[in-house]
Amino acid sequence: MLDLALLAGFFLTSVAIELTPGPNMAYLALVGVSRGRADGMMAVLGVAVGLALLGAIVGVGVGSLILENRFIYETLRWAGAAYLLWLAWDGWRDAQRETETGALPVRKWVYFRRGFVTNLLNPKAALFFITVMPGFMDPAASLNAQTTVLVATYVLAATAIHAVIVLLASTLTPFFKRPDLRKATALVFAVMLVGVAIWLLIKTAV
């Protein structure tokens, strides 16, 4: 069994990590404001599944191999930044189209998929699992059991924070029905995503 004190410390650390700027915060706020609560929650679900899968991948040792292979790590790091830049451009482009033709029908699955992919290419989350999570493991306990519990704890903490972000952002949706406000909001969040992409590239450089 995992020590409860270690688990509580890990939970608080997970909350602190998720409250720092990152791709999830900016992207979910963008979806919440521009698309509303339902689409935002689909994005939250995609993020949660992506984080769980990333944690499982790291748990079986693949994460360490990636970190030790400079080429693979840099490829994933730059791919993650490029994906964030694409999300910024896509959100801004959709706002321009909606201004001219009305809201475009988009399947909710799209937001799940984008949240999922964003976290598979999220170097911030990968580094957390690789470098921080092992510090909360008890050498005397089962490695697989601990990995499962810690990853689940992190996903739970992250999902709770992400849901709150979407709920708060979606309350602003009615105020951004005007075309000019929608375009301005899309531009602000696009710039935020670009900033997060640059920030992640700087912070995850090794």
C-alpha atoms as a PDB file:
ATOM      1  CA  MET A   1       0.000   0.000   0.000  1.00  0.00           C
ATOM      2  CA  LEU A   2       1.154   3.546  -0.741  1.00  0.00           C
ATOM      3  CA  ASP A   3       1.866   5.690   2.296  1.00  0.00           C
ATOM      4  CA  LEU A   4      -1.031   8.121   2.807  1.00  0.00           C
ATOM      5  CA  ALA A   5       1.306  10.997   3.653  1.00  0.00           C
ATOM      6  CA  LEU A   6       3.168  10.473   0.380  1.00  0.00           C
ATOM      7  CA  LEU A   7      -0.122  10.275  -1.504  1.00  0.00           C
ATOM      8  CA  ALA A   8      -1.391  13.514   0.074  1.00  0.00           C
ATOM      9  CA  GLY A   9       1.871  15.247  -0.771  1.00  0.00           C
ATOM     10  CA  PHE A  10       1.680  13.988  -4.337  1.00  0.00           C
ATOM     11  CA  PHE A  11      -1.906  15.226  -4.680  1.00  0.00           C
ATOM     12  CA  LEU A  12      -0.960  18.721  -3.490  1.00  0.00           C
ATOM     13  CA  THR A  13       2.034  18.722  -5.830  1.00  0.00           C
ATOM     14  CA  SER A  14      -0.234  17.708  -8.728  1.00  0.00           C
ATOM     15  CA  VAL A  15      -2.617  20.562  -7.952  1.00  0.00           C
ATOM     16  CA  ALA A  16       0.268  23.046  -7.809  1.00  0.00           C
ATOM     17  CA  ILE A  17       1.626  21.819 -11.152  1.00  0.00           C
ATOM     18  CA  GLU A  18      -1.763  22.072 -12.834  1.00  0.00           C
ATOM     19  CA  LEU A  19      -2.277  25.627 -11.558  1.00  0.00           C
ATOM     20  CA  THR A  20       0.858  26.791 -13.370  1.00  0.00           C
ATOM     21  CA  PRO A  21       0.541  27.973 -16.989  1.00  0.00           C
ATOM     22  CA  GLY A  22       0.400  25.163 -19.493  1.00  0.00           C
ATOM     23  CA  PRO A  23      -1.275  23.972 -22.691  1.00  0.00           C
ATOM     24  CA  ASN A  24      -4.314  22.568 -20.927  1.00  0.00           C
ATOM     25  CA  MET A  25      -5.246  25.749 -19.097  1.00  0.00           C
ATOM     26  CA  ALA A  26      -5.077  27.967 -22.190  1.00  0.00           C
ATOM     27  CA  TYR A  27      -6.757  25.501 -24.547  1.00  0.00           C
ATOM     28  CA  LEU A  28      -9.620  24.588 -22.203  1.00  0.00           C
ATOM     29  CA  ALA A  29     -10.309  28.230 -21.451  1.00  0.00           C
ATOM     30  CA  LEU A  30     -10.470  28.898 -25.192  1.00  0.00           C
ATOM     31  CA  VAL A  31     -12.920  26.052 -25.794  1.00  0.00           C
ATOM     32  CA  GLY A  32     -15.008  26.991 -22.761  1.00  0.00           C
ATOM     33  CA  VAL A  33     -15.407  30.611 -23.845  1.00  0.00           C
ATOM     34  CA  SER A  34     -15.857  30.037 -27.566  1.00  0.00           C
ATOM     35  CA  ARG A  35     -17.833  26.766 -27.586  1.00  0.00           C
ATOM     36  CA  GLY A  36     -19.480  26.512 -24.198  1.00  0.00           C
ATOM     37  CA  ARG A  37     -19.695  23.985 -21.391  1.00  0.00           C
ATOM     38  CA  ALA A  38     -20.551  20.795 -23.316  1.00  0.00           C
ATOM     39  CA  ASP A  39     -17.693  21.059 -25.815  1.00  0.00           C
ATOM     40  CA  GLY A  40     -15.367  22.189 -23.049  1.00  0.00           C
ATOM     41  CA  MET A  41     -16.154  19.099 -20.970  1.00  0.00           C
ATOM     42  CA  MET A  42     -15.461  16.876 -23.972  1.00  0.00           C
ATOM     43  CA  ALA A  43     -12.045  18.525 -24.186  1.00  0.00           C
ATOM     44  CA  VAL A  44     -11.553  17.896 -20.439  1.00  0.00           C
ATOM     45  CA  LEU A  45     -12.363  14.216 -20.988  1.00  0.00           C
ATOM     46  CA  GLY A  46      -9.858  14.023 -23.833  1.00  0.00           C
ATOM     47  CA  VAL A  47      -7.196  15.638 -21.656  1.00  0.00           C
ATOM     48  CA  ALA A  48      -7.891  13.157 -18.854  1.00  0.00           C
ATOM     49  CA  VAL A  49      -7.577  10.131 -21.145  1.00  0.00           C
ATOM     50  CA  GLY A  50      -4.406  11.581 -22.683  1.00  0.00           C
ATOM     51  CA  LEU A  51      -2.842  12.132 -19.263  1.00  0.00           C
ATOM     52  CA  ALA A  52      -3.775   8.626 -18.128  1.00  0.00           C
ATOM     53  CA  LEU A  53      -2.239   7.069 -21.233  1.00  0.00           C
ATOM     54  CA  LEU A  54       0.887   9.212 -20.924  1.00  0.00           C
ATOM     55  CA  GLY A  55       1.249   8.183 -17.290  1.00  0.00           C
ATOM     56  CA  ALA A  56       0.860   4.519 -18.247  1.00  0.00           C
ATOM     57  CA  ILE A  57       3.508   4.877 -20.966  1.00  0.00           C
ATOM     58  CA  VAL A  58       5.932   6.478 -18.541  1.00  0.00           C
ATOM     59  CA  GLY A  59       5.092   3.840 -15.935  1.00  0.00           C
ATOM     60  CA  VAL A  60       6.312   0.976 -18.112  1.00  0.00           C
ATOM     61  CA  GLY A  61       9.657   2.691 -18.649  1.00  0.00           C
ATOM     62  CA  VAL A  62       9.142   4.260 -22.070  1.00  0.00           C
ATOM     63  CA  GLY A  63       9.357   7.755 -20.580  1.00  0.00           C
ATOM     64  CA  SER A  64      12.907   7.240 -19.371  1.00  0.00           C
ATOM     65  CA  LEU A  65      13.946   5.921 -22.761  1.00  0.00           C
ATOM     66  CA  ILE A  66      12.495   9.001 -24.438  1.00  0.00           C
ATOM     67  CA  LEU A  67      14.252  11.328 -21.991  1.00  0.00           C
ATOM     68  CA  GLU A  68      17.576   9.584 -22.581  1.00  0.00           C
ATOM     69  CA  ASN A  69      17.238   9.728 -26.382  1.00  0.00           C
ATOM     70  CA  ARG A  70      17.877  13.352 -27.324  1.00  0.00           C
ATOM     71  CA  PHE A  71      16.475  13.061 -30.857  1.00  0.00           C
ATOM     72  CA  ILE A  72      13.183  11.468 -29.809  1.00  0.00           C
ATOM     73  CA  TYR A  73      12.733  13.873 -26.903  1.00  0.00           C
ATOM     74  CA  GLU A  74      13.393  16.961 -29.030  1.00  0.00           C
ATOM     75  CA  THR A  75      11.069  15.652 -31.760  1.00  0.00           C
ATOM     76  CA  LEU A  76       8.215  15.199 -29.296  1.00  0.00           C
ATOM     77  CA  ARG A  77       8.937  18.543 -27.616  1.00  0.00           C
ATOM     78  CA  TRP A  78       8.828  20.474 -30.874  1.00  0.00           C
ATOM     79  CA  ALA A  79       5.821  18.483 -32.101  1.00  0.00           C
ATOM     80  CA  GLY A  80       3.949  19.488 -28.941  1.00  0.00           C
ATOM     81  CA  ALA A  81       4.784  23.155 -29.457  1.00  0.00           C
ATOM     82  CA  ALA A  82       3.807  22.945 -33.134  1.00  0.00           C
ATOM     83  CA  TYR A  83       0.464  21.401 -32.200  1.00  0.00           C
ATOM     84  CA  LEU A  84      -0.251  24.239 -29.781  1.00  0.00           C
ATOM     85  CA  LEU A  85       0.556  26.756 -32.523  1.00  0.00           C
ATOM     86  CA  TRP A  86      -1.835  24.932 -34.833  1.00  0.00           C
ATOM     87  CA  LEU A  87      -4.577  25.045 -32.184  1.00  0.00           C
ATOM     88  CA  ALA A  88      -3.995  28.797 -31.819  1.00  0.00           C
ATOM     89  CA  TRP A  89      -4.297  29.338 -35.571  1.00  0.00           C
ATOM     90  CA  ASP A  90      -7.311  27.028 -35.881  1.00  0.00           C
ATOM     91  CA  GLY A  91      -9.190  28.787 -33.066  1.00  0.00           C
ATOM     92  CA  TRP A  92      -8.523  32.205 -34.555  1.00  0.00           C
ATOM     93  CA  ARG A  93      -9.506  31.003 -38.050  1.00  0.00           C
ATOM     94  CA  ASP A  94     -12.796  29.541 -36.788  1.00  0.00           C
ATOM     95  CA  ALA A  95     -13.667  32.830 -35.108  1.00  0.00           C
ATOM     96  CA  GLN A  96     -13.208  34.682 -38.396  1.00  0.00           C
ATOM     97  CA  ARG A  97     -15.408  32.200 -40.228  1.00  0.00           C
ATOM     98  CA  GLU A  98     -18.106  32.322 -37.575  1.00  0.00           C
ATOM     99  CA  THR A  99     -18.171  36.095 -37.803  1.00  0.00           C
ATOM    100  CA  GLU A 100     -19.017  35.853 -41.475  1.00  0.00           C
ATOM    101  CA  THR A 101     -21.211  32.760 -41.705  1.00  0.00           C
ATOM    102  CA  GLY A 102     -22.477  32.012 -38.200  1.00  0.00           C
ATOM    103  CA  ALA A 103     -21.328  29.270 -35.868  1.00  0.00           C
ATOM    104  CA  LEU A 104     -19.811  26.325 -37.670  1.00  0.00           C
ATOM    105  CA  PRO A 105     -21.113  22.864 -36.716  1.00  0.00           C
ATOM    106  CA  VAL A 106     -18.285  20.927 -35.109  1.00  0.00           C
ATOM    107  CA  ARG A 107     -18.619  17.443 -33.646  1.00  0.00           C
ATOM    108  CA  LYS A 108     -17.878  17.230 -29.950  1.00  0.00           C
ATOM    109  CA  TRP A 109     -15.496  14.354 -30.702  1.00  0.00           C
ATOM    110  CA  VAL A 110     -13.135  16.911 -32.248  1.00  0.00           C
ATOM    111  CA  TYR A 111     -12.586  18.579 -28.879  1.00  0.00           C
ATOM    112  CA  PHE A 112     -12.019  15.224 -27.169  1.00  0.00           C
ATOM    113  CA  ARG A 113      -9.430  14.329 -29.809  1.00  0.00           C
ATOM    114  CA  ARG A 114      -7.618  17.648 -29.545  1.00  0.00           C
ATOM    115  CA  GLY A 115      -7.442  17.438 -25.755  1.00  0.00           C
ATOM    116  CA  PHE A 116      -6.166  13.873 -26.037  1.00  0.00           C
ATOM    117  CA  VAL A 117      -3.451  14.681 -28.585  1.00  0.00           C
ATOM    118  CA  THR A 118      -2.387  17.815 -26.713  1.00  0.00           C
ATOM    119  CA  ASN A 119      -1.477  15.708 -23.695  1.00  0.00           C
ATOM    120  CA  LEU A 120       0.255  12.931 -25.560  1.00  0.00           C
ATOM    121  CA  LEU A 121       2.542  15.698 -26.858  1.00  0.00           C
ATOM    122  CA  ASN A 122       2.697  17.549 -23.528  1.00  0.00           C
ATOM    123  CA  PRO A 123       6.339  17.700 -22.347  1.00  0.00           C
ATOM    124  CA  LYS A 124       5.296  19.348 -19.091  1.00  0.00           C
ATOM    125  CA  ALA A 125       3.180  16.342 -18.079  1.00  0.00           C
ATOM    126  CA  ALA A 126       5.743  13.829 -19.362  1.00  0.00           C
ATOM    127  CA  LEU A 127       8.544  15.433 -17.336  1.00  0.00           C
ATOM    128  CA  PHE A 128       6.319  15.466 -14.258  1.00  0.00           C
ATOM    129  CA  PHE A 129       5.710  11.735 -14.529  1.00  0.00           C
ATOM    130  CA  ILE A 130       9.371  11.004 -15.265  1.00  0.00           C
ATOM    131  CA  THR A 131      11.101  13.275 -12.758  1.00  0.00           C
ATOM    132  CA  VAL A 132       8.625  14.141  -9.982  1.00  0.00           C
ATOM    133  CA  MET A 133       6.443  11.052  -9.568  1.00  0.00           C
ATOM    134  CA  PRO A 134       9.298   8.665  -8.631  1.00  0.00           C
ATOM    135  CA  GLY A 135      10.095  10.846  -5.615  1.00  0.00           C
ATOM    136  CA  PHE A 136       6.727   9.890  -4.090  1.00  0.00           C
ATOM    137  CA  MET A 137       7.169   6.139  -4.504  1.00  0.00           C
ATOM    138  CA  ASP A 138       7.899   3.748  -1.670  1.00  0.00           C
ATOM    139  CA  PRO A 139      10.690   1.310  -2.650  1.00  0.00           C
ATOM    140  CA  ALA A 140       9.095  -1.347  -0.447  1.00  0.00           C
ATOM    141  CA  ALA A 141       5.732  -1.274  -2.230  1.00  0.00           C
ATOM    142  CA  SER A 142       4.667  -2.668  -5.599  1.00  0.00           C
ATOM    143  CA  LEU A 143       5.904  -0.478  -8.480  1.00  0.00           C
ATOM    144  CA  ASN A 144       2.920  -1.198 -10.731  1.00  0.00           C
ATOM    145  CA  ALA A 145       0.379  -0.582  -7.980  1.00  0.00           C
ATOM    146  CA  GLN A 146       2.038   2.683  -6.965  1.00  0.00           C
ATOM    147  CA  THR A 147       2.253   3.886 -10.559  1.00  0.00           C
ATOM    148  CA  THR A 148      -1.436   3.169 -11.068  1.00  0.00           C
ATOM    149  CA  VAL A 149      -2.459   4.986  -7.881  1.00  0.00           C
ATOM    150  CA  LEU A 150      -0.228   8.008  -8.499  1.00  0.00           C
ATOM    151  CA  VAL A 151      -1.234   8.420 -12.135  1.00  0.00           C
ATOM    152  CA  ALA A 152      -4.908   8.129 -11.148  1.00  0.00           C
ATOM    153  CA  THR A 153      -4.367  10.723  -8.416  1.00  0.00           C
ATOM    154  CA  TYR A 154      -2.728  13.132 -10.826  1.00  0.00           C
ATOM    155  CA  VAL A 155      -5.464  12.658 -13.438  1.00  0.00           C
ATOM    156  CA  LEU A 156      -8.124  13.223 -10.754  1.00  0.00           C
ATOM    157  CA  ALA A 157      -6.493  16.447  -9.541  1.00  0.00           C
ATOM    158  CA  ALA A 158      -5.924  17.696 -13.084  1.00  0.00           C
ATOM    159  CA  THR A 159      -9.463  16.859 -14.228  1.00  0.00           C
ATOM    160  CA  ALA A 160     -11.035  18.673 -11.278  1.00  0.00           C
ATOM    161  CA  ILE A 161      -9.035  21.821 -12.044  1.00  0.00           C
ATOM    162  CA  HIS A 162      -9.726  21.558 -15.774  1.00  0.00           C
ATOM    163  CA  ALA A 163     -13.471  21.177 -15.174  1.00  0.00           C
ATOM    164  CA  VAL A 164     -13.472  24.324 -13.023  1.00  0.00           C
ATOM    165  CA  ILE A 165     -11.608  26.223 -15.765  1.00  0.00           C
ATOM    166  CA  VAL A 166     -14.196  25.203 -18.365  1.00  0.00           C
ATOM    167  CA  LEU A 167     -17.135  25.993 -16.082  1.00  0.00           C
ATOM    168  CA  LEU A 168     -15.784  29.451 -15.294  1.00  0.00           C
ATOM    169  CA  ALA A 169     -14.862  30.183 -18.907  1.00  0.00           C
ATOM    170  CA  SER A 170     -18.236  28.990 -20.225  1.00  0.00           C
ATOM    171  CA  THR A 171     -20.068  31.526 -18.066  1.00  0.00           C
ATOM    172  CA  LEU A 172     -18.548  34.191 -20.318  1.00  0.00           C
ATOM    173  CA  THR A 173     -19.814  32.593 -23.536  1.00  0.00           C
ATOM    174  CA  PRO A 174     -23.040  34.676 -23.777  1.00  0.00           C
ATOM    175  CA  PHE A 175     -21.002  37.874 -23.591  1.00  0.00           C
ATOM    176  CA  PHE A 176     -18.999  36.942 -26.668  1.00  0.00           C
ATOM    177  CA  LYS A 177     -21.798  36.375 -29.161  1.00  0.00           C
ATOM    178  CA  ARG A 178     -21.043  39.707 -30.838  1.00  0.00           C
ATOM    179  CA  PRO A 179     -18.757  39.138 -33.849  1.00  0.00           C
ATOM    180  CA  ASP A 180     -16.248  41.780 -32.808  1.00  0.00           C
ATOM    181  CA  LEU A 181     -15.937  40.406 -29.280  1.00  0.00           C
ATOM    182  CA  ARG A 182     -15.648  36.845 -30.591  1.00  0.00           C
ATOM    183  CA  LYS A 183     -12.809  37.837 -32.916  1.00  0.00           C
ATOM    184  CA  ALA A 184     -11.034  39.760 -30.172  1.00  0.00           C
ATOM    185  CA  THR A 185     -11.405  36.895 -27.697  1.00  0.00           C
ATOM    186  CA  ALA A 186     -10.119  34.362 -30.227  1.00  0.00           C
ATOM    187  CA  LEU A 187      -7.100  36.559 -30.863  1.00  0.00           C
ATOM    188  CA  VAL A 188      -6.347  36.873 -27.132  1.00  0.00           C
ATOM    189  CA  PHE A 189      -6.490  33.117 -26.569  1.00  0.00           C
ATOM    190  CA  ALA A 190      -4.513  32.442 -29.740  1.00  0.00           C
ATOM    191  CA  VAL A 191      -1.754  34.705 -28.426  1.00  0.00           C
ATOM    192  CA  MET A 192      -1.949  32.882 -25.081  1.00  0.00           C
ATOM    193  CA  LEU A 193      -1.485  29.508 -26.775  1.00  0.00           C
ATOM    194  CA  VAL A 194       1.478  30.852 -28.739  1.00  0.00           C
ATOM    195  CA  GLY A 195       2.952  32.149 -25.484  1.00  0.00           C
ATOM    196  CA  VAL A 196       2.444  28.782 -23.781  1.00  0.00           C
ATOM    197  CA  ALA A 197       4.118  26.992 -26.700  1.00  0.00           C
ATOM    198  CA  ILE A 198       7.166  29.254 -26.418  1.00  0.00           C
ATOM    199  CA  TRP A 199       7.202  28.978 -22.608  1.00  0.00           C
ATOM    200  CA  LEU A 200       7.105  25.165 -22.771  1.00  0.00           C
ATOM    201  CA  LEU A 201       9.952  25.068 -25.254  1.00  0.00           C
ATOM    202  CA  ILE A 202      12.054  27.167 -22.887  1.00  0.00           C
ATOM    203  CA  LYS A 203      11.080  25.329 -19.682  1.00  0.00           C
ATOM    204  CA  THR A 204      11.468  21.799 -21.082  1.00  0.00           C
ATOM    205  CA  ALA A 205      14.823  22.368 -22.787  1.00  0.00           C
ATOM    206  CA  VAL A 206      17.412  19.885 -21.562  1.00  0.00           C
END
